[in-house]
Amino acid sequence: AVAKKTYAYVKNLDTSNWISLENDAGNIWGRLGPGEFAFFPVGVSVGLEVQADTAACVVEYALFQEP
């Protein structure tokens, strides 16, 4: 979970498996297929988790917070 307004960049580097984007409660709200990426705001105190579908995946990510 985050305390300040935060933006996340997430890219699924896997070539055959998808990943789920979830909040801290484990609710799935998005899915990235192989090679897909997303840039989105993360709600304050909502959190972000990334879960691989069927096999381990390599994920590239960056978090950007307001000053």
C-alpha atoms as a PDB file:
ATOM      1  CA  ALA A   1       0.000   0.000   0.000  1.00  0.00           C
ATOM      2  CA  VAL A   2       1.124   3.563  -0.590  1.00  0.00           C
ATOM      3  CA  ALA A   3       0.703   6.716   1.483  1.00  0.00           C
ATOM      4  CA  LYS A   4       1.201   9.264  -1.322  1.00  0.00           C
ATOM      5  CA  LYS A   5      -0.267   9.530  -4.798  1.00  0.00           C
ATOM      6  CA  THR A   6       1.729   6.972  -6.789  1.00  0.00           C
ATOM      7  CA  TYR A   7       1.883   5.930 -10.437  1.00  0.00           C
ATOM      8  CA  ALA A   8       3.070   2.469 -11.451  1.00  0.00           C
ATOM      9  CA  TYR A   9       4.572   1.163 -14.674  1.00  0.00           C
ATOM     10  CA  VAL A  10       4.423  -2.634 -15.032  1.00  0.00           C
ATOM     11  CA  LYS A  11       5.572  -4.710 -18.018  1.00  0.00           C
ATOM     12  CA  ASN A  12       5.210  -8.460 -18.385  1.00  0.00           C
ATOM     13  CA  LEU A  13       8.488  -9.648 -19.956  1.00  0.00           C
ATOM     14  CA  ASP A  14       7.322 -13.248 -20.267  1.00  0.00           C
ATOM     15  CA  THR A  15       6.715 -14.562 -23.803  1.00  0.00           C
ATOM     16  CA  SER A  16       3.862 -16.983 -23.097  1.00  0.00           C
ATOM     17  CA  ASN A  17       2.196 -16.383 -19.694  1.00  0.00           C
ATOM     18  CA  TRP A  18      -0.016 -13.589 -18.396  1.00  0.00           C
ATOM     19  CA  ILE A  19       0.049 -11.860 -15.019  1.00  0.00           C
ATOM     20  CA  SER A  20      -2.762 -10.522 -12.836  1.00  0.00           C
ATOM     21  CA  LEU A  21      -2.801  -7.057 -11.306  1.00  0.00           C
ATOM     22  CA  GLU A  22      -4.419  -7.105  -7.865  1.00  0.00           C
ATOM     23  CA  ASN A  23      -5.068  -4.837  -4.894  1.00  0.00           C
ATOM     24  CA  ASP A  24      -3.928  -5.675  -1.340  1.00  0.00           C
ATOM     25  CA  ALA A  25      -7.136  -7.640  -0.755  1.00  0.00           C
ATOM     26  CA  GLY A  26      -6.299  -9.961  -3.665  1.00  0.00           C
ATOM     27  CA  ASN A  27      -9.059  -8.636  -5.951  1.00  0.00           C
ATOM     28  CA  ILE A  28      -7.990  -8.940  -9.586  1.00  0.00           C
ATOM     29  CA  TRP A  29      -8.616  -5.727 -11.520  1.00  0.00           C
ATOM     30  CA  GLY A  30      -6.346  -6.196 -14.540  1.00  0.00           C
ATOM     31  CA  ARG A  31      -4.382  -8.669 -16.614  1.00  0.00           C
ATOM     32  CA  LEU A  32      -1.237  -8.216 -18.721  1.00  0.00           C
ATOM     33  CA  GLY A  33      -0.567 -10.682 -21.507  1.00  0.00           C
ATOM     34  CA  PRO A  34       2.910 -11.616 -22.729  1.00  0.00           C
ATOM     35  CA  GLY A  35       4.866  -8.458 -23.600  1.00  0.00           C
ATOM     36  CA  GLU A  36       2.081  -6.074 -22.524  1.00  0.00           C
ATOM     37  CA  PHE A  37       2.588  -3.101 -20.220  1.00  0.00           C
ATOM     38  CA  ALA A  38       0.485  -0.633 -18.251  1.00  0.00           C
ATOM     39  CA  PHE A  39       0.953   2.771 -16.625  1.00  0.00           C
ATOM     40  CA  PHE A  40      -1.676   3.592 -14.005  1.00  0.00           C
ATOM     41  CA  PRO A  41      -2.314   5.356 -10.676  1.00  0.00           C
ATOM     42  CA  VAL A  42      -2.257   3.293  -7.481  1.00  0.00           C
ATOM     43  CA  GLY A  43      -4.891   4.372  -4.979  1.00  0.00           C
ATOM     44  CA  VAL A  44      -3.676   5.606  -1.600  1.00  0.00           C
ATOM     45  CA  SER A  45      -3.897   2.708   0.908  1.00  0.00           C
ATOM     46  CA  VAL A  46      -5.172   0.341  -1.811  1.00  0.00           C
ATOM     47  CA  GLY A  47      -1.872  -1.279  -2.784  1.00  0.00           C
ATOM     48  CA  LEU A  48      -0.682  -3.266  -5.758  1.00  0.00           C
ATOM     49  CA  GLU A  49       0.251  -6.913  -6.132  1.00  0.00           C
ATOM     50  CA  VAL A  50       1.305  -8.792  -9.247  1.00  0.00           C
ATOM     51  CA  GLN A  51       0.616 -12.530  -9.576  1.00  0.00           C
ATOM     52  CA  ALA A  52       1.906 -14.862 -12.301  1.00  0.00           C
ATOM     53  CA  ASP A  53      -0.712 -17.132 -13.941  1.00  0.00           C
ATOM     54  CA  THR A  54       0.775 -20.597 -14.498  1.00  0.00           C
ATOM     55  CA  ALA A  55       4.552 -20.163 -14.344  1.00  0.00           C
ATOM     56  CA  ALA A  56       7.088 -17.751 -12.872  1.00  0.00           C
ATOM     57  CA  CYS A  57       7.266 -14.534 -14.915  1.00  0.00           C
ATOM     58  CA  VAL A  58       9.816 -11.741 -15.047  1.00  0.00           C
ATOM     59  CA  VAL A  59       8.195  -8.347 -14.512  1.00  0.00           C
ATOM     60  CA  GLU A  60       9.711  -4.910 -15.093  1.00  0.00           C
ATOM     61  CA  TYR A  61       8.256  -2.160 -12.910  1.00  0.00           C
ATOM     62  CA  ALA A  62       8.779   1.381 -11.698  1.00  0.00           C
ATOM     63  CA  LEU A  63       6.948   3.457  -9.093  1.00  0.00           C
ATOM     64  CA  PHE A  64       6.652   7.241  -9.281  1.00  0.00           C
ATOM     65  CA  GLN A  65       5.453   9.207  -6.223  1.00  0.00           C
ATOM     66  CA  GLU A  66       4.396  12.801  -5.826  1.00  0.00           C
ATOM     67  CA  PRO A  67       6.961  14.864  -3.901  1.00  0.00           C
END
